Amino acid sequence: MWINLIDNAVKFTPEKGRIEIGIRETDDKITVSVKNSGSEISDDDLPNIFRKFYRSDSAVKSSGNGLGLAIASEIVALHSGTIEAQSGGGSTTFTVTLPKI
């Protein structure tokens, strides 16, 4: 799941773009964010990106089969966590929150 999120950030960040990975910890959870500059996910695509085989118009131009984010979402759910995406202002951020064990 981590490899998929970071690989997507690399794939969709233009040359000389920026990728940021952040980690926050609270008493009961850990939150990891992967943010990339450059390409954005449209508001129409955001609700669908975690569906199997879904590929946005910008993703169709790149390699992949539309399973990576669906698998990442399933892995997160199996660990009682959440995954969400925000996009706009020239960047996209995926945020994964997992409970501490």
N, C-alpha and C. Protein backbone atom coordinates (compact mmCIF):
# COMPACT_ATOMS: atom_id res chain seq x y z
N MET A 1 0.83 -1.18 0.00
CA MET A 1 0.00 0.00 0.00
C MET A 1 0.88 1.25 0.00
N TRP A 2 1.91 1.27 0.86
CA TRP A 2 2.80 2.44 0.88
C TRP A 2 3.52 2.59 -0.45
N ILE A 3 4.00 1.47 -0.98
CA ILE A 3 4.71 1.51 -2.26
C ILE A 3 3.79 2.06 -3.34
N ASN A 4 2.54 1.63 -3.34
CA ASN A 4 1.59 2.11 -4.35
C ASN A 4 1.39 3.62 -4.25
N LEU A 5 1.18 4.14 -3.04
CA LEU A 5 0.95 5.57 -2.87
C LEU A 5 2.17 6.38 -3.28
N ILE A 6 3.34 5.92 -2.90
CA ILE A 6 4.57 6.65 -3.26
C ILE A 6 4.85 6.52 -4.75
N ASP A 7 4.63 5.33 -5.31
CA ASP A 7 4.82 5.14 -6.75
C ASP A 7 3.89 6.05 -7.54
N ASN A 8 2.64 6.17 -7.12
CA ASN A 8 1.70 7.07 -7.80
C ASN A 8 2.17 8.52 -7.70
N ALA A 9 2.67 8.91 -6.53
CA ALA A 9 3.17 10.27 -6.36
C ALA A 9 4.31 10.54 -7.34
N VAL A 10 5.22 9.58 -7.47
CA VAL A 10 6.34 9.74 -8.40
C VAL A 10 5.83 9.80 -9.84
N LYS A 11 4.91 8.90 -10.17
CA LYS A 11 4.40 8.81 -11.54
C LYS A 11 3.68 10.09 -11.98
N PHE A 12 2.97 10.74 -11.07
CA PHE A 12 2.15 11.89 -11.44
C PHE A 12 2.77 13.23 -11.07
N THR A 13 4.02 13.23 -10.61
CA THR A 13 4.71 14.48 -10.31
C THR A 13 5.60 14.84 -11.49
N PRO A 14 5.47 16.05 -12.01
CA PRO A 14 6.30 16.44 -13.15
C PRO A 14 7.76 16.62 -12.73
N GLU A 15 8.62 16.66 -13.73
CA GLU A 15 10.04 16.91 -13.47
C GLU A 15 10.18 18.20 -12.67
N LYS A 16 11.03 18.17 -11.69
CA LYS A 16 11.28 19.28 -10.77
C LYS A 16 10.09 19.55 -9.85
N GLY A 17 9.14 18.61 -9.79
CA GLY A 17 8.03 18.71 -8.86
C GLY A 17 8.48 18.32 -7.47
N ARG A 18 7.53 18.19 -6.57
CA ARG A 18 7.86 17.93 -5.17
C ARG A 18 6.95 16.85 -4.61
N ILE A 19 7.55 15.95 -3.82
CA ILE A 19 6.80 14.92 -3.10
C ILE A 19 7.12 15.08 -1.62
N GLU A 20 6.08 15.11 -0.80
CA GLU A 20 6.26 15.24 0.65
C GLU A 20 5.57 14.07 1.33
N ILE A 21 6.25 13.46 2.28
CA ILE A 21 5.68 12.39 3.09
C ILE A 21 5.72 12.85 4.53
N GLY A 22 4.57 12.84 5.19
CA GLY A 22 4.49 13.29 6.58
C GLY A 22 3.89 12.22 7.47
N ILE A 23 4.30 12.22 8.71
CA ILE A 23 3.78 11.26 9.70
C ILE A 23 3.42 12.03 10.96
N ARG A 24 2.20 11.79 11.45
CA ARG A 24 1.74 12.36 12.72
C ARG A 24 1.29 11.23 13.62
N GLU A 25 1.56 11.37 14.89
CA GLU A 25 1.19 10.34 15.86
C GLU A 25 0.40 10.97 16.99
N THR A 26 -0.68 10.30 17.37
CA THR A 26 -1.44 10.69 18.56
C THR A 26 -1.44 9.49 19.49
N ASP A 27 -2.16 9.60 20.59
CA ASP A 27 -2.19 8.50 21.55
C ASP A 27 -2.74 7.21 20.95
N ASP A 28 -3.70 7.33 20.03
CA ASP A 28 -4.37 6.12 19.55
C ASP A 28 -4.28 5.86 18.05
N LYS A 29 -3.61 6.76 17.29
CA LYS A 29 -3.52 6.52 15.85
C LYS A 29 -2.27 7.15 15.25
N ILE A 30 -1.97 6.69 14.04
CA ILE A 30 -0.87 7.22 13.25
C ILE A 30 -1.44 7.65 11.91
N THR A 31 -1.07 8.83 11.46
CA THR A 31 -1.54 9.36 10.19
C THR A 31 -0.34 9.63 9.30
N VAL A 32 -0.39 9.08 8.09
CA VAL A 32 0.68 9.26 7.12
C VAL A 32 0.07 9.94 5.90
N SER A 33 0.75 10.98 5.41
CA SER A 33 0.27 11.65 4.20
C SER A 33 1.35 11.59 3.13
N VAL A 34 0.90 11.43 1.89
CA VAL A 34 1.77 11.45 0.73
C VAL A 34 1.21 12.52 -0.20
N LYS A 35 2.00 13.57 -0.40
CA LYS A 35 1.54 14.72 -1.18
C LYS A 35 2.48 14.91 -2.37
N ASN A 36 1.89 15.13 -3.54
CA ASN A 36 2.70 15.43 -4.72
C ASN A 36 2.20 16.68 -5.41
N SER A 37 3.14 17.41 -5.97
CA SER A 37 2.79 18.60 -6.74
C SER A 37 2.53 18.20 -8.18
N GLY A 38 1.93 19.10 -8.89
CA GLY A 38 1.70 18.82 -10.31
C GLY A 38 0.27 18.45 -10.59
N SER A 39 0.07 17.21 -11.00
CA SER A 39 -1.26 16.80 -11.46
C SER A 39 -2.27 16.82 -10.32
N GLU A 40 -3.50 17.11 -10.69
CA GLU A 40 -4.61 17.11 -9.74
C GLU A 40 -5.63 16.08 -10.19
N ILE A 41 -6.41 15.60 -9.23
CA ILE A 41 -7.53 14.70 -9.52
C ILE A 41 -8.79 15.57 -9.52
N SER A 42 -9.57 15.47 -10.57
CA SER A 42 -10.75 16.33 -10.68
C SER A 42 -11.78 15.99 -9.60
N ASP A 43 -12.62 16.96 -9.28
CA ASP A 43 -13.68 16.75 -8.30
C ASP A 43 -14.61 15.62 -8.72
N ASP A 44 -14.80 15.46 -10.03
CA ASP A 44 -15.66 14.37 -10.53
C ASP A 44 -15.02 13.00 -10.31
N ASP A 45 -13.69 12.93 -10.39
CA ASP A 45 -12.99 11.66 -10.24
C ASP A 45 -12.75 11.26 -8.79
N LEU A 46 -12.59 12.22 -7.90
CA LEU A 46 -12.23 11.92 -6.51
C LEU A 46 -13.13 10.86 -5.84
N PRO A 47 -14.45 10.90 -5.99
CA PRO A 47 -15.29 9.90 -5.32
C PRO A 47 -15.09 8.48 -5.85
N ASN A 48 -14.44 8.34 -7.00
CA ASN A 48 -14.33 7.03 -7.66
C ASN A 48 -12.95 6.40 -7.62
N ILE A 49 -11.94 7.12 -7.20
CA ILE A 49 -10.56 6.64 -7.38
C ILE A 49 -10.22 5.37 -6.61
N PHE A 50 -10.99 5.02 -5.59
CA PHE A 50 -10.72 3.81 -4.83
C PHE A 50 -11.51 2.60 -5.35
N ARG A 51 -12.26 2.78 -6.45
CA ARG A 51 -13.01 1.68 -7.07
C ARG A 51 -12.07 0.87 -7.96
N LYS A 52 -12.28 -0.44 -7.99
CA LYS A 52 -11.47 -1.32 -8.84
C LYS A 52 -11.61 -0.90 -10.30
N PHE A 53 -10.50 -0.88 -10.99
CA PHE A 53 -10.38 -0.61 -12.43
C PHE A 53 -10.73 0.83 -12.83
N TYR A 54 -11.00 1.70 -11.86
CA TYR A 54 -11.31 3.09 -12.21
C TYR A 54 -10.01 3.83 -12.52
N ARG A 55 -10.02 4.55 -13.62
CA ARG A 55 -8.87 5.36 -14.01
C ARG A 55 -9.38 6.72 -14.48
N SER A 56 -8.87 7.76 -13.88
CA SER A 56 -9.27 9.10 -14.30
C SER A 56 -8.68 9.39 -15.67
N ASP A 57 -9.15 10.45 -16.29
CA ASP A 57 -8.63 10.81 -17.62
C ASP A 57 -7.12 11.01 -17.60
N SER A 58 -6.58 11.63 -16.56
CA SER A 58 -5.14 11.86 -16.51
C SER A 58 -4.39 10.55 -16.26
N ALA A 59 -4.99 9.60 -15.56
CA ALA A 59 -4.33 8.32 -15.27
C ALA A 59 -4.33 7.41 -16.50
N VAL A 60 -5.29 7.57 -17.38
CA VAL A 60 -5.37 6.72 -18.57
C VAL A 60 -4.12 6.88 -19.43
N LYS A 61 -3.50 8.04 -19.38
CA LYS A 61 -2.31 8.30 -20.18
C LYS A 61 -1.05 7.64 -19.60
N SER A 62 -1.13 7.08 -18.40
CA SER A 62 0.03 6.45 -17.76
C SER A 62 -0.19 4.95 -17.64
N SER A 63 0.86 4.26 -17.23
CA SER A 63 0.74 2.81 -17.06
C SER A 63 -0.09 2.50 -15.82
N GLY A 64 -0.62 1.32 -15.75
CA GLY A 64 -1.43 0.89 -14.62
C GLY A 64 -2.73 0.29 -15.07
N ASN A 65 -3.38 -0.42 -14.14
CA ASN A 65 -4.63 -1.09 -14.50
C ASN A 65 -5.82 -0.65 -13.64
N GLY A 66 -5.62 0.33 -12.79
CA GLY A 66 -6.73 0.83 -11.98
C GLY A 66 -7.01 0.00 -10.75
N LEU A 67 -6.05 -0.80 -10.31
CA LEU A 67 -6.25 -1.62 -9.11
C LEU A 67 -5.49 -1.10 -7.89
N GLY A 68 -4.45 -0.32 -8.09
CA GLY A 68 -3.58 0.08 -6.99
C GLY A 68 -4.29 0.76 -5.84
N LEU A 69 -5.09 1.77 -6.11
CA LEU A 69 -5.78 2.48 -5.03
C LEU A 69 -6.89 1.64 -4.42
N ALA A 70 -7.53 0.78 -5.21
CA ALA A 70 -8.55 -0.12 -4.66
C ALA A 70 -7.91 -1.10 -3.68
N ILE A 71 -6.75 -1.62 -4.03
CA ILE A 71 -6.04 -2.55 -3.14
C ILE A 71 -5.57 -1.80 -1.89
N ALA A 72 -5.02 -0.61 -2.07
CA ALA A 72 -4.59 0.19 -0.92
C ALA A 72 -5.75 0.44 0.03
N SER A 73 -6.90 0.77 -0.52
CA SER A 73 -8.09 1.02 0.29
C SER A 73 -8.51 -0.22 1.07
N GLU A 74 -8.46 -1.38 0.42
CA GLU A 74 -8.81 -2.64 1.10
C GLU A 74 -7.84 -2.95 2.23
N ILE A 75 -6.55 -2.75 2.00
CA ILE A 75 -5.54 -3.00 3.03
C ILE A 75 -5.79 -2.10 4.23
N VAL A 76 -6.05 -0.84 3.97
CA VAL A 76 -6.32 0.11 5.06
C VAL A 76 -7.57 -0.31 5.83
N ALA A 77 -8.62 -0.68 5.12
CA ALA A 77 -9.87 -1.10 5.77
C ALA A 77 -9.66 -2.35 6.63
N LEU A 78 -8.86 -3.29 6.14
CA LEU A 78 -8.58 -4.51 6.91
C LEU A 78 -7.84 -4.21 8.21
N HIS A 79 -7.18 -3.08 8.26
CA HIS A 79 -6.48 -2.67 9.48
C HIS A 79 -7.27 -1.62 10.27
N SER A 80 -8.56 -1.53 9.99
CA SER A 80 -9.48 -0.62 10.68
C SER A 80 -9.07 0.84 10.55
N GLY A 81 -8.52 1.19 9.40
CA GLY A 81 -8.10 2.56 9.16
C GLY A 81 -8.93 3.24 8.10
N THR A 82 -8.49 4.43 7.72
CA THR A 82 -9.16 5.18 6.67
C THR A 82 -8.12 5.70 5.69
N ILE A 83 -8.55 5.88 4.46
CA ILE A 83 -7.71 6.51 3.43
C ILE A 83 -8.59 7.52 2.70
N GLU A 84 -8.03 8.67 2.45
CA GLU A 84 -8.77 9.69 1.71
C GLU A 84 -7.82 10.47 0.83
N ALA A 85 -8.39 11.14 -0.14
CA ALA A 85 -7.60 11.93 -1.07
C ALA A 85 -8.18 13.33 -1.15
N GLN A 86 -7.28 14.31 -1.25
CA GLN A 86 -7.66 15.69 -1.48
C GLN A 86 -6.82 16.19 -2.64
N SER A 87 -7.42 16.98 -3.49
CA SER A 87 -6.68 17.46 -4.65
C SER A 87 -7.14 18.87 -5.00
N GLY A 88 -6.19 19.70 -5.32
CA GLY A 88 -6.47 21.07 -5.70
C GLY A 88 -5.28 21.95 -5.42
N GLY A 89 -5.28 23.12 -5.98
CA GLY A 89 -4.19 24.05 -5.75
C GLY A 89 -2.84 23.56 -6.25
N GLY A 90 -2.87 22.69 -7.25
CA GLY A 90 -1.62 22.20 -7.83
C GLY A 90 -1.00 21.02 -7.11
N SER A 91 -1.77 20.34 -6.27
CA SER A 91 -1.23 19.17 -5.58
C SER A 91 -2.33 18.17 -5.25
N THR A 92 -1.90 16.95 -4.93
CA THR A 92 -2.80 15.89 -4.49
C THR A 92 -2.19 15.26 -3.25
N THR A 93 -3.02 15.02 -2.24
CA THR A 93 -2.57 14.42 -0.99
C THR A 93 -3.42 13.21 -0.66
N PHE A 94 -2.76 12.09 -0.40
CA PHE A 94 -3.42 10.90 0.12
C PHE A 94 -3.08 10.80 1.59
N THR A 95 -4.09 10.61 2.42
CA THR A 95 -3.90 10.53 3.87
C THR A 95 -4.43 9.20 4.38
N VAL A 96 -3.56 8.47 5.05
CA VAL A 96 -3.90 7.17 5.64
C VAL A 96 -3.84 7.31 7.14
N THR A 97 -4.92 6.93 7.83
CA THR A 97 -4.95 6.95 9.28
C THR A 97 -5.20 5.52 9.76
N LEU A 98 -4.30 5.07 10.64
CA LEU A 98 -4.38 3.71 11.18
C LEU A 98 -4.37 3.75 12.69
N PRO A 99 -5.14 2.85 13.31
CA PRO A 99 -5.11 2.81 14.78
C PRO A 99 -3.79 2.20 15.24
N LYS A 100 -3.34 2.65 16.39
CA LYS A 100 -2.16 2.03 17.01
C LYS A 100 -2.57 0.69 17.60
N ILE A 101 -1.66 -0.21 17.54
CA ILE A 101 -1.94 -1.54 18.12
C ILE A 101 -1.14 -1.68 19.39
